[in-house]
Protein backbone atom coordinates (compact mmCIF):
# COMPACT_ATOMS: atom_id res chain seq x y z
CA MET A 1 48.67 45.90 200.35
CA SER A 2 50.05 42.38 201.52
CA GLN A 3 51.15 40.11 199.21
CA THR A 4 48.47 37.23 198.24
CA ARG A 5 50.25 33.99 199.53
CA PRO A 6 48.72 30.42 200.15
CA ILE A 7 48.23 29.40 203.60
CA ALA A 8 49.93 25.89 202.56
CA VAL A 9 51.08 24.33 199.50
CA ILE A 10 51.21 20.86 199.02
CA VAL A 11 53.81 18.83 196.99
CA LEU A 12 52.92 15.85 195.80
CA ALA A 13 55.81 13.18 195.31
CA ALA A 14 54.46 9.88 195.71
CA GLY A 15 54.96 8.35 192.84
CA GLN A 16 57.56 5.39 191.34
CA GLY A 17 57.90 7.22 187.94
CA THR A 18 58.27 3.82 185.93
CA ARG A 19 58.19 5.52 182.61
CA MET A 20 61.64 6.86 184.29
CA LYS A 21 63.20 3.18 184.03
CA SER A 22 65.77 4.28 186.63
CA THR A 23 66.78 2.97 189.95
CA LEU A 24 66.61 6.68 190.81
CA PRO A 25 62.84 7.70 192.21
CA LYS A 26 62.12 9.94 189.36
CA VAL A 27 61.93 13.31 191.14
CA LEU A 28 65.50 13.15 191.67
CA HIS A 29 66.67 13.19 188.72
CA PRO A 30 68.42 16.15 188.14
CA ILE A 31 68.50 19.22 185.54
CA GLY A 32 70.27 22.49 185.72
CA GLY A 33 72.38 21.36 188.76
CA ARG A 34 68.86 20.41 190.77
CA SER A 35 66.42 17.57 191.39
CA LEU A 36 63.40 17.83 189.77
CA LEU A 37 61.84 17.98 193.42
CA HIS A 38 64.14 20.72 194.16
CA HIS A 39 63.25 22.65 191.54
CA SER A 40 59.61 22.33 193.05
CA ILE A 41 60.74 22.79 196.89
CA THR A 42 62.04 26.17 195.33
CA ALA A 43 58.98 27.60 193.76
CA ALA A 44 57.03 26.08 196.68
CA ALA A 45 58.99 27.98 199.25
CA GLY A 46 59.34 30.87 197.44
CA ALA A 47 55.53 31.42 197.61
CA THR A 48 56.10 31.76 201.04
CA PRO A 49 53.27 29.70 202.35
CA GLU A 50 53.29 29.32 206.39
CA HIS A 51 53.11 25.16 206.07
CA LEU A 52 54.73 23.36 203.02
CA VAL A 53 54.10 19.84 202.62
CA VAL A 54 56.00 16.72 200.34
CA VAL A 55 54.01 14.07 200.20
CA VAL A 56 56.64 10.73 199.40
CA ARG A 57 56.29 6.85 199.13
CA HIS A 58 58.18 5.39 196.88
CA GLU A 59 62.12 5.07 197.96
CA ARG A 60 60.81 7.18 200.66
CA ASP A 61 64.03 7.44 202.97
CA GLN A 62 66.15 8.55 199.83
CA LEU A 63 63.29 11.24 199.11
CA VAL A 64 63.43 12.46 202.75
CA SER A 65 67.43 12.34 203.10
CA HIS A 66 67.50 14.23 200.18
CA LEU A 67 65.00 17.09 201.09
CA ASP A 68 66.76 17.14 204.35
CA SER A 69 69.71 18.61 202.31
CA LEU A 70 68.17 21.59 200.48
CA PRO A 71 68.89 24.65 201.46
CA ILE A 72 65.34 25.71 201.34
CA ASN A 73 64.78 30.09 201.68
CA SER A 74 61.69 29.93 203.56
CA THR A 75 59.96 30.55 207.27
CA GLN A 76 58.17 27.52 207.57
CA THR A 77 59.58 24.31 208.51
CA LEU A 78 59.06 21.49 205.44
CA LEU A 79 56.42 18.62 206.66
CA ILE A 80 56.62 15.03 205.49
CA ALA A 81 53.71 13.29 204.72
CA ASP A 82 53.55 9.44 204.13
CA GLN A 83 51.21 8.32 201.37
CA ASP A 84 49.26 4.65 202.18
CA GLU A 85 48.84 2.06 200.05
CA ILE A 86 45.57 4.13 198.80
CA PRO A 87 46.33 5.10 195.42
CA GLY A 88 45.71 8.71 193.81
CA THR A 89 46.00 12.17 194.08
CA GLY A 90 43.15 12.66 196.21
CA ARG A 91 44.32 10.16 198.99
CA ALA A 92 48.40 12.16 198.50
CA THR A 93 46.04 15.19 199.54
CA GLU A 94 44.23 13.63 202.20
CA CYS A 95 47.81 11.94 203.74
CA ALA A 96 49.33 16.18 203.74
CA LEU A 97 46.60 17.21 205.29
CA THR A 98 47.07 15.15 208.55
CA GLN A 99 50.63 17.09 208.91
CA LEU A 100 48.47 20.37 208.56
CA PRO A 101 46.18 22.02 211.69
CA ASP A 102 42.30 21.08 212.06
CA ASP A 103 41.64 24.44 212.08
CA LEU A 104 43.37 25.42 208.77
CA THR A 105 41.49 28.41 206.95
CA GLY A 106 42.86 29.90 203.72
CA THR A 107 44.17 28.82 200.01
CA VAL A 108 45.92 25.49 200.09
CA VAL A 109 47.70 24.94 196.71
CA VAL A 110 48.42 21.33 195.56
CA THR A 111 51.80 20.82 193.21
CA TYR A 112 54.21 18.02 191.86
CA GLY A 113 57.56 16.88 192.32
CA ASP A 114 57.69 17.26 188.50
CA VAL A 115 57.74 20.61 187.30
CA PRO A 116 60.96 22.20 187.47
CA LEU A 117 59.99 25.39 185.73
CA LEU A 118 56.75 26.13 187.51
CA THR A 119 57.74 29.24 189.12
CA ALA A 120 56.81 31.00 192.99
CA ASP A 121 55.59 34.47 191.08
CA THR A 122 52.44 31.93 188.53
CA ILE A 123 52.02 30.08 192.44
CA ASN A 124 50.82 33.32 193.75
CA SER A 125 48.99 34.78 190.27
CA LEU A 126 46.82 31.30 190.90
CA VAL A 127 46.32 31.95 194.08
CA GLU A 128 45.13 36.02 193.85
CA VAL A 129 43.02 34.68 190.56
CA HIS A 130 41.22 32.06 193.31
CA GLU A 131 41.06 34.19 196.18
CA SER A 132 39.63 37.20 193.86
CA SER A 133 36.89 34.99 192.26
CA HIS A 134 36.01 33.56 195.80
CA ASN A 135 36.39 30.35 194.15
CA ALA A 136 36.09 27.10 196.35
CA ALA A 137 38.40 25.31 193.48
CA THR A 138 40.79 26.98 190.99
CA VAL A 139 42.86 24.44 188.14
CA LEU A 140 46.06 25.45 186.23
CA SER A 141 44.79 24.97 183.08
CA ALA A 142 46.95 25.22 179.89
CA GLU A 143 46.11 24.89 175.91
CA VAL A 144 47.74 22.15 173.95
CA ASP A 145 48.47 20.85 170.59
CA ASP A 146 48.17 17.39 171.83
CA PRO A 147 46.09 16.96 174.99
CA ASN A 148 46.83 12.78 174.80
CA GLY A 149 47.44 11.55 178.32
CA TYR A 150 46.33 14.62 180.30
CA GLY A 151 43.32 15.04 182.07
CA ARG A 152 40.83 17.43 180.01
CA ILE A 153 38.90 20.45 181.14
CA VAL A 154 34.56 20.08 180.65
CA ARG A 155 33.34 23.33 180.63
CA ASP A 156 29.64 23.83 180.61
CA ALA A 157 28.14 26.37 177.65
CA SER A 158 28.96 29.19 179.24
CA GLY A 159 32.56 28.75 179.63
CA ALA A 160 32.44 27.47 182.92
CA LEU A 161 34.13 24.70 184.66
CA LEU A 162 31.99 21.89 184.92
CA ARG A 163 34.55 18.79 186.09
CA ILE A 164 37.68 17.29 185.11
CA VAL A 165 37.78 13.91 183.17
CA GLU A 166 40.91 12.02 183.47
CA GLN A 167 41.62 10.89 179.96
CA LYS A 168 40.93 6.80 180.82
CA ASP A 169 37.61 8.11 182.11
CA ALA A 170 36.56 10.28 179.18
CA SER A 171 34.21 9.80 175.90
CA ASP A 172 35.54 11.00 172.48
CA ASP A 173 34.52 13.80 172.69
CA GLN A 174 35.91 14.96 175.63
CA ARG A 175 39.27 13.76 174.54
CA SER A 176 38.87 15.97 171.54
CA ILE A 177 39.36 18.91 174.22
CA ARG A 178 42.66 20.59 173.80
CA GLU A 179 42.62 22.60 177.83
CA ILE A 180 44.27 20.50 179.87
CA ASN A 181 44.39 20.10 183.25
CA SER A 182 47.80 21.11 184.78
CA GLY A 183 47.32 19.03 187.99
CA ILE A 184 47.85 22.79 190.05
CA TYR A 185 45.02 23.52 192.13
CA ALA A 186 44.33 26.23 194.62
CA PHE A 187 41.52 24.91 197.26
CA ASP A 188 39.59 27.01 200.22
CA ALA A 189 41.28 24.52 202.82
CA ALA A 190 37.25 23.92 204.20
CA ALA A 191 36.38 23.37 200.51
CA LEU A 192 39.40 21.19 199.79
CA LYS A 193 38.53 19.05 203.13
CA ALA A 194 34.51 18.29 202.25
CA GLY A 195 35.52 17.15 198.63
CA LEU A 196 38.20 14.44 200.04
CA ALA A 197 36.02 12.90 202.50
CA SER A 198 33.71 12.25 199.14
CA LEU A 199 35.92 10.50 197.47
CA THR A 200 35.72 7.27 196.11
CA THR A 201 37.80 4.76 193.81
CA ASP A 202 34.97 3.85 191.72
CA ASN A 203 36.83 4.83 188.41
CA ALA A 204 38.92 3.28 185.29
CA GLN A 205 42.24 3.17 187.34
CA GLY A 206 40.86 2.55 191.43
CA GLU A 207 42.23 5.61 192.24
CA LYS A 208 41.32 8.70 194.33
CA TYR A 209 41.35 11.36 192.23
CA LEU A 210 41.93 14.74 193.26
CA THR A 211 40.23 16.03 190.51
CA ASP A 212 36.65 14.43 191.90
CA VAL A 213 36.59 17.75 194.27
CA ILE A 214 36.32 20.51 191.91
CA GLY A 215 32.52 18.62 190.83
CA PHE A 216 31.87 18.04 194.02
CA SER A 217 32.76 21.80 195.10
CA ARG A 218 30.54 22.90 191.83
CA ASP A 219 27.33 20.18 192.78
CA ALA A 220 27.61 22.04 195.92
CA GLY A 221 27.03 24.94 194.85
CA GLN A 222 30.34 26.98 195.28
CA SER A 223 32.18 27.94 192.66
CA VAL A 224 35.09 26.80 190.88
CA ALA A 225 37.24 27.84 187.78
CA ALA A 226 40.21 26.90 185.87
CA THR A 227 42.90 29.95 184.54
CA ALA A 228 45.10 29.42 181.88
CA THR A 229 48.63 29.86 181.61
CA ALA A 230 50.16 31.09 178.47
CA ASP A 231 53.58 29.22 179.65
CA LEU A 232 52.84 25.83 178.66
CA TRP A 233 56.81 24.77 179.87
CA GLN A 234 55.52 25.94 183.75
CA VAL A 235 53.13 23.15 183.98
CA GLU A 236 55.17 20.54 181.99
CA GLY A 237 55.86 17.15 184.01
CA ALA A 238 59.09 14.75 183.14
CA ASN A 239 57.56 11.70 182.95
CA ASP A 240 60.69 9.57 180.80
CA ARG A 241 64.29 10.45 179.88
CA VAL A 242 63.00 12.54 176.66
CA GLN A 243 60.99 14.82 178.39
CA LEU A 244 63.36 15.12 180.89
CA ALA A 245 65.84 16.38 178.45
CA ASN A 246 63.14 18.97 176.58
CA LEU A 247 62.82 20.23 180.03
CA GLY A 248 66.84 20.58 180.82
CA LYS A 249 66.67 22.14 177.53
CA GLU A 250 64.33 24.80 177.81
CA LEU A 251 65.31 25.77 181.39
CA ASN A 252 69.18 26.03 179.79
CA ARG A 253 67.58 28.38 177.44
CA ARG A 254 65.71 30.91 180.14
CA VAL A 255 68.92 30.59 182.35
CA CYS A 256 71.06 31.94 179.38
CA GLU A 257 68.64 34.71 178.17
CA LYS A 258 68.63 35.48 182.14
CA TRP A 259 72.30 36.18 182.21
CA MET A 260 72.66 37.69 178.82
CA ARG A 261 70.23 40.16 179.84
CA ALA A 262 72.23 40.36 182.78
CA GLY A 263 75.40 41.66 180.61
CA VAL A 264 77.12 38.74 180.26
CA SER A 265 78.45 37.91 176.33
CA ILE A 266 77.11 34.07 176.20
CA ILE A 267 78.91 33.81 171.72
CA ASP A 268 76.51 30.48 171.50
CA PRO A 269 73.50 29.67 173.94
CA ASP A 270 73.30 26.51 172.13
CA THR A 271 76.52 25.18 173.33
CA THR A 272 76.44 26.72 176.78
CA TRP A 273 74.91 25.20 179.97
CA ILE A 274 74.80 27.05 183.39
CA ASP A 275 73.38 25.46 186.35
CA MET A 276 71.42 27.65 188.40
CA ASP A 277 73.41 27.82 191.25
CA VAL A 278 76.02 29.63 189.05
CA SER A 279 76.71 33.35 189.46
CA LEU A 280 78.04 35.67 186.86
CA SER A 281 79.16 39.07 186.77
CA GLU A 282 78.59 41.94 184.38
CA ASP A 283 80.95 41.55 180.94
CA VAL A 284 82.02 37.95 181.51
CA THR A 285 82.51 36.14 178.05
CA ILE A 286 81.21 32.65 178.03
CA LEU A 287 82.97 31.16 174.33
CA PRO A 288 81.00 27.91 172.59
CA GLY A 289 81.06 24.55 174.51
CA VAL A 290 81.43 25.51 178.12
CA GLN A 291 79.71 24.18 181.25
CA LEU A 292 79.27 26.09 184.43
CA LEU A 293 78.08 23.60 186.98
CA GLY A 294 77.41 23.85 190.94
CA ALA A 295 78.16 27.06 192.84
CA THR A 296 80.42 28.03 190.05
CA ASP A 297 81.41 32.21 190.16
CA ILE A 298 82.63 33.82 187.74
CA GLY A 299 84.03 37.67 187.83
CA SER A 300 83.59 40.37 186.00
CA GLY A 301 85.80 40.63 182.60
CA ALA A 302 86.63 37.14 182.72
CA VAL A 303 86.42 34.51 179.64
CA VAL A 304 85.86 31.44 179.55
CA GLY A 305 86.10 28.60 176.55
CA PRO A 306 85.94 27.66 174.52
CA ASP A 307 85.32 23.70 175.49
CA SER A 308 85.69 24.50 179.22
CA THR A 309 83.85 22.42 182.36
CA LEU A 310 84.21 24.16 185.39
CA LYS A 311 82.13 22.86 188.68
CA ASP A 312 82.01 24.65 192.17
CA THR A 313 85.05 27.43 190.59
CA GLU A 314 85.69 30.47 191.40
CA VAL A 315 87.30 32.65 188.48
CA GLY A 316 88.93 35.71 189.25
CA ALA A 317 87.77 39.54 187.26
CA GLY A 318 89.83 39.10 184.27
CA ALA A 319 91.03 35.95 183.88
CA GLN A 320 91.26 33.79 181.04
CA VAL A 321 90.39 30.01 181.49
CA VAL A 322 90.28 27.74 178.25
CA ARG A 323 89.89 24.40 177.22
CA THR A 324 90.16 23.29 180.97
CA HIS A 325 88.04 21.34 182.91
CA SER A 326 88.25 22.28 186.95
CA GLU A 327 86.88 21.49 190.08
CA LEU A 328 86.54 23.21 193.33
CA ALA A 329 89.20 25.30 192.27
CA VAL A 330 89.90 28.99 192.65
CA VAL A 331 91.22 30.77 189.83
CA GLY A 332 92.99 34.30 190.77
CA ALA A 333 91.89 37.85 189.11
CA GLY A 334 93.92 37.96 185.91
CA ALA A 335 95.35 34.69 185.95
CA LYS A 336 95.74 32.43 182.77
CA VAL A 337 94.65 28.57 182.22
CA GLY A 338 94.68 26.09 179.84
CA PRO A 339 94.59 25.42 176.88
CA PHE A 340 94.14 21.56 178.23
CA SER A 341 94.58 22.07 181.73
CA TYR A 342 92.91 19.90 185.03
CA LEU A 343 92.41 21.78 188.29
CA ARG A 344 91.49 19.09 190.61
CA PRO A 345 89.98 19.73 194.26
CA GLY A 346 91.78 22.55 196.29
CA THR A 347 93.68 23.93 193.52
CA ASN A 348 94.30 27.56 194.33
CA LEU A 349 95.57 29.92 191.26
CA GLY A 350 96.76 33.03 192.72
CA GLU A 351 95.89 36.84 190.82
CA ASP A 352 98.32 36.90 187.58
CA GLY A 353 99.44 33.34 187.63
CA LYS A 354 99.45 30.34 184.66
CA ILE A 355 98.70 27.16 184.60
CA GLY A 356 99.05 25.80 181.03
CA THR A 357 98.79 23.27 178.76
CA PHE A 358 98.50 19.78 180.13
CA VAL A 359 98.87 20.79 183.49
CA GLU A 360 97.23 19.08 186.11
CA THR A 361 96.86 20.52 189.86
CA LYS A 362 95.78 19.36 193.07
CA ASN A 363 95.72 20.81 196.36
CA ALA A 364 98.00 22.53 195.08
CA ASP A 365 98.53 26.86 196.00
CA ILE A 366 100.14 28.75 193.75
CA GLY A 367 101.12 32.30 193.99
CA ARG A 368 100.16 35.93 192.71
CA GLY A 369 102.69 36.08 189.13
CA ALA A 370 103.79 31.77 189.98
CA LYS A 371 103.61 29.75 186.58
CA VAL A 372 103.60 25.92 185.75
CA PRO A 373 103.40 26.90 182.19
CA HIS A 374 103.60 23.39 180.38
CA LEU A 375 103.19 19.42 180.48
CA SER A 376 103.64 19.04 184.95
CA TYR A 377 101.83 17.47 187.29
CA VAL A 378 101.87 19.50 190.95
CA GLY A 379 100.10 17.82 193.88
CA ASP A 380 99.93 18.51 197.46
CA ALA A 381 102.02 21.91 196.77
CA GLU A 382 102.76 25.35 197.37
CA ILE A 383 104.69 27.66 195.17
CA GLY A 384 105.22 30.95 195.68
CA GLU A 385 104.76 34.65 193.99
CA GLY A 386 106.38 34.99 190.81
CA SER A 387 108.06 31.71 190.82
CA ASN A 388 108.47 29.70 187.46
CA ILE A 389 108.25 25.83 187.21
CA GLY A 390 110.03 24.43 184.04
CA ALA A 391 108.19 21.73 181.83
CA ALA A 392 107.95 18.45 182.10
CA SER A 393 107.74 18.64 186.14
CA VAL A 394 106.26 16.41 188.44
CA PHE A 395 105.72 16.93 192.28
CA VAL A 396 106.21 13.41 193.82
CA ASN A 397 103.75 13.31 196.78
CA TYR A 398 103.13 10.04 197.25
CA ASP A 399 105.07 7.48 198.58
CA GLY A 400 102.61 4.41 198.64
CA VAL A 401 101.38 4.76 201.84
CA ASN A 402 101.13 8.96 202.70
CA LYS A 403 100.79 11.68 200.70
CA HIS A 404 103.77 14.88 201.47
CA ARG A 405 103.55 18.26 200.30
CA THR A 406 106.42 20.36 198.71
CA VAL A 407 107.10 23.82 199.30
CA VAL A 408 108.95 26.10 196.20
CA GLY A 409 109.72 29.92 197.65
CA LYS A 410 109.32 33.17 196.19
CA HIS A 411 110.79 34.25 192.59
CA ALA A 412 112.27 30.66 192.45
CA ARG A 413 113.20 29.40 188.90
CA MET A 414 112.89 25.76 188.47
CA GLY A 415 114.39 23.75 185.47
CA SER A 416 112.76 21.57 182.82
CA ASP A 417 111.95 17.63 183.65
CA ASN A 418 112.66 18.56 187.46
CA MET A 419 110.70 15.37 189.95
CA TYR A 420 110.49 16.89 193.21
CA VAL A 421 110.33 14.41 195.98
CA ALA A 422 108.11 15.28 198.61
CA PRO A 423 108.27 16.20 201.49
CA VAL A 424 110.92 18.86 200.26
CA THR A 425 110.98 22.44 200.54
CA VAL A 426 113.20 25.09 197.43
CA GLY A 427 114.27 28.19 199.30
CA ASP A 428 113.28 31.70 197.87
CA GLY A 429 115.02 32.38 194.60
CA ALA A 430 116.55 28.91 194.03
CA TYR A 431 117.43 27.50 190.54
CA SER A 432 117.86 24.08 189.54
CA GLY A 433 119.06 22.48 186.44
CA ALA A 434 117.07 20.41 183.82
CA SER A 435 116.42 16.93 185.26
CA THR A 436 117.36 17.78 188.86
CA THR A 437 115.63 15.28 190.97
CA VAL A 438 114.91 17.17 194.31
CA ARG A 439 115.29 14.67 197.37
CA LYS A 440 116.74 17.61 199.71
CA ASP A 441 115.75 21.16 200.71
CA VAL A 442 117.32 23.83 198.60
CA PRO A 443 118.45 26.72 200.69
CA ALA A 444 117.23 29.93 199.40
CA GLY A 445 119.59 31.49 196.42
CA ALA A 446 121.34 27.96 195.70
CA LEU A 447 121.44 26.21 192.09
CA ALA A 448 120.00 22.59 192.48
CA MET A 449 121.30 19.96 190.13
CA THR A 450 121.43 16.16 189.66
CA VAL A 451 124.96 15.86 188.01
CA ALA A 452 126.17 12.68 186.14
CA PRO A 453 128.93 12.70 183.51
CA GLN A 454 127.60 11.90 179.97
CA ARG A 455 128.90 8.65 178.13
CA ASN A 456 129.51 9.00 174.73
CA LEU A 457 129.96 5.22 173.19
CA GLU A 458 131.83 5.73 169.51
CA GLY A 459 130.40 3.61 166.52
CA TRP A 460 127.73 1.94 168.89
CA VAL A 461 125.05 2.75 166.30
CA VAL A 462 126.86 1.21 163.25
CA SER A 463 127.84 -1.66 165.23
CA ASN A 464 124.55 -2.21 166.77
CA ARG A 465 122.27 -1.10 164.42
CA PRO A 466 123.98 -2.07 161.01
CA GLY A 467 121.87 -1.38 157.77
CA THR A 468 119.89 1.17 159.07
CA SER A 469 119.03 4.47 157.95
CA ALA A 470 120.45 6.09 161.00
CA ALA A 471 124.14 3.58 160.90
CA GLN A 472 123.60 5.31 156.61
CA ALA A 473 123.95 8.34 158.42
CA ALA A 474 126.36 7.77 160.76
CA GLU A 475 128.83 6.03 157.82
CA ALA A 476 127.98 9.12 155.69
CA ALA A 477 129.23 11.93 158.46
CA SER A 478 132.37 9.97 159.65
CA GLU A 479 133.34 10.25 156.22
CA GLY A 480 132.33 13.10 155.35
CA GLU A 481 129.74 12.88 153.19
CA PRO A 482 125.65 14.27 153.23
CA ALA A 483 123.75 11.04 154.30
CA SER A 484 121.26 10.05 151.09
CA GLU A 485 117.47 11.08 151.47
């Protein structure tokens, strides 16, 4: 038996979303690393319709540009419909139908661009109920404690769907109804076209209501129904930033639960945030205060955290990343990073390597087993296998106009407080002394030093800082007596 699926899904995304109080269109606000619209499109495409239409109006060009960038896994083309000046969900759906074949038959699903937790499975379940009951229209409903603001599902004495009444048009008795309209529908294509043709703007809001198609179909003697979902979150929309945050928290809870059931240890899900496109392997451990963003990928047995933010970062099997901020970086298998490290784009740490405390890296290839343990900046550099960079070293890569690259060979042992003035190359097995400024290439196996004689000015403290505790200590020492506390 073939999978039940709609012939078309229409996603309504034309609204302005004024309650969000933002210059960014409401449906482009993100949760879980994706825009609300991206979530909605993913669910719609996942239902595998033959046609997928998005209706736009407010900030039209911005929405279309965003839609063009989405990696939609579906065989159909995403179509754009422009809503005109006539308001209402019914009019938006009419505009969507202009992008579909005139002879369209089958089930048309209508959903919204701000319901990010809706799933493809729920869409297809709605279609299955709709088609098995031979309905002209089927609405997805939900029972809520506070129905304020929602359209109400009005049933007759037998429990059959009678009509949907919008809040502003509802009587006091109707407003007490707790079963609400989610705004997500399955329509027979022919019934939808006929119902839309009957719509007017004769209502409290002066809009063409899509809900009126339900009443039209029933009055025409066709079967209509409402089927309730037990998962209220799937039909929740985001009208303001409070609702956006609540949806984001619930989405994250579900993502964390999914990964824990897949074999990932998340010590504190309440302080762990994982984007939708993150990939985790079995036996990964996530400690408290971790954010895994973008397309981050964590290998088996790796430990991340506490208090780390990784964006578009690849972490190899068995690696450890502690109190680190990383973006567009690669951490090899068995490597160690942190605490308090900053991995900027282009960082590539090899297997069993180390980037340590208060180290910043950028466009840096650090070889297998190589170490940058402490207090250093490594930018535009290549460090060979097994080499060690001493504490407080800086790769001086910028001359004020251009950036240049430094290359350190394999198994080099570089001293503390070194400055590498690029472009410069240090050969395999080379050493350097402390406080060396490397301005010239260092041959393999050579020792590089910046040598200057040390000068001691005897008596300087007593002469120049008289009366200080240092002067008193110096005077006592010169007399062979211990300085007083």
